[in-house]
Amino acid sequence: MTARIDEIATDLYRISLYVPAFDLQFNHFLVRDEEPLLFHTGMRGMFPAMREAVATLIDPTQLFRLVQLFDILAAVVFAVSGALVASRKGLDVMGFIWFAVITGVGGGTVRDLILNVPVFWVQNPAHVTACLVTAIVMHFVAPRVESRFRTLLWFDAFGLALVTVAGTVKASDVGAPPVVATVMGAVTGCLGGIIRDTLGHVPSVLLGRQVYVTASVLGACTYVGLNSLGVGRLPAMIAGFLVTFTVRSLAIRYDWSVPVFRDSTKRERWKTAPKDSAGE
């Protein structure tokens, strides 16, 4: 399926795709601007040909430049949370760097290793560089940031939402099944924090009752579900981001928690069990 491209006005293009099986031609329209707009009128099977046609008109890297910027910002926010653990432990600057980097890029690193794709910060060291700078700065200003920890939680919610969607999209793009893509989204969003808490010997977000991992899973499921229904990539990404951020924000605002397992039968058995005669 070959696309025909015609410029019908300045920066307004008609992309035509002819489908022999139906003897029909589908016309799509692209407005090339700082924020490009594409009117897609055909079937989902046309996406690959459309992607190639659009790529000849717009540099794909420009579309995701802002997303990459926010992705780096998310790594910085996670790095700050890691540096705060180092601050509470009274570590030196190398300890700050270790916790900041492992928190900032840990989840994405594990995701890429599982998916068997090049690790993102090895290809583009901007993320790890940002984490290093953040660690050094935090070594001197950690007490001031600590006093605004509640505000940091809102930035953390933003970062969680962004990297959850980014991880889910990346897994989907390499051909991972929907369930795997969902898991990879949660891994990207949460694993860095889990590693941070484990190394810092602090209560883990995985073992706590706070709505954190749940928000990440719901956001990843939203993207995967909408994408499976044929919804466009960008709307699905926005929806996944909003679900994660909204759920996590409401949990912060109203102190939401998830129900925990309570085995009353087991506790009752411990209460009524006879004492060991050796201990009397």
Foldseek 3Di string as FASTA:
>chain_A
DAWDWDDPDVQKIWIWDADVVVRDIFIKIWRDDLAIDIRGDDDPVCVVNVVVVVCVVDPVCSNCVVLVVVLLVLLLLQLLVQLLLVVVVVHDLVSSLVRSQLRSQVLQQVLCVVLVHPRPCVVPVSNSVSSSVSSVVCNPCVVVVVVVVLVSLLVNLLSLLSQLLVQLVVCVVSPHPLVSSLVSSLSRRFVSQQVSCVVSVHDGPVPDFQCQSVLSSQLSNQLSVCVVVVHDNVVSSVSSSCSSSVVSVVCSVVVDGDDDDDDVVVVVCVVPPDDDPVVD
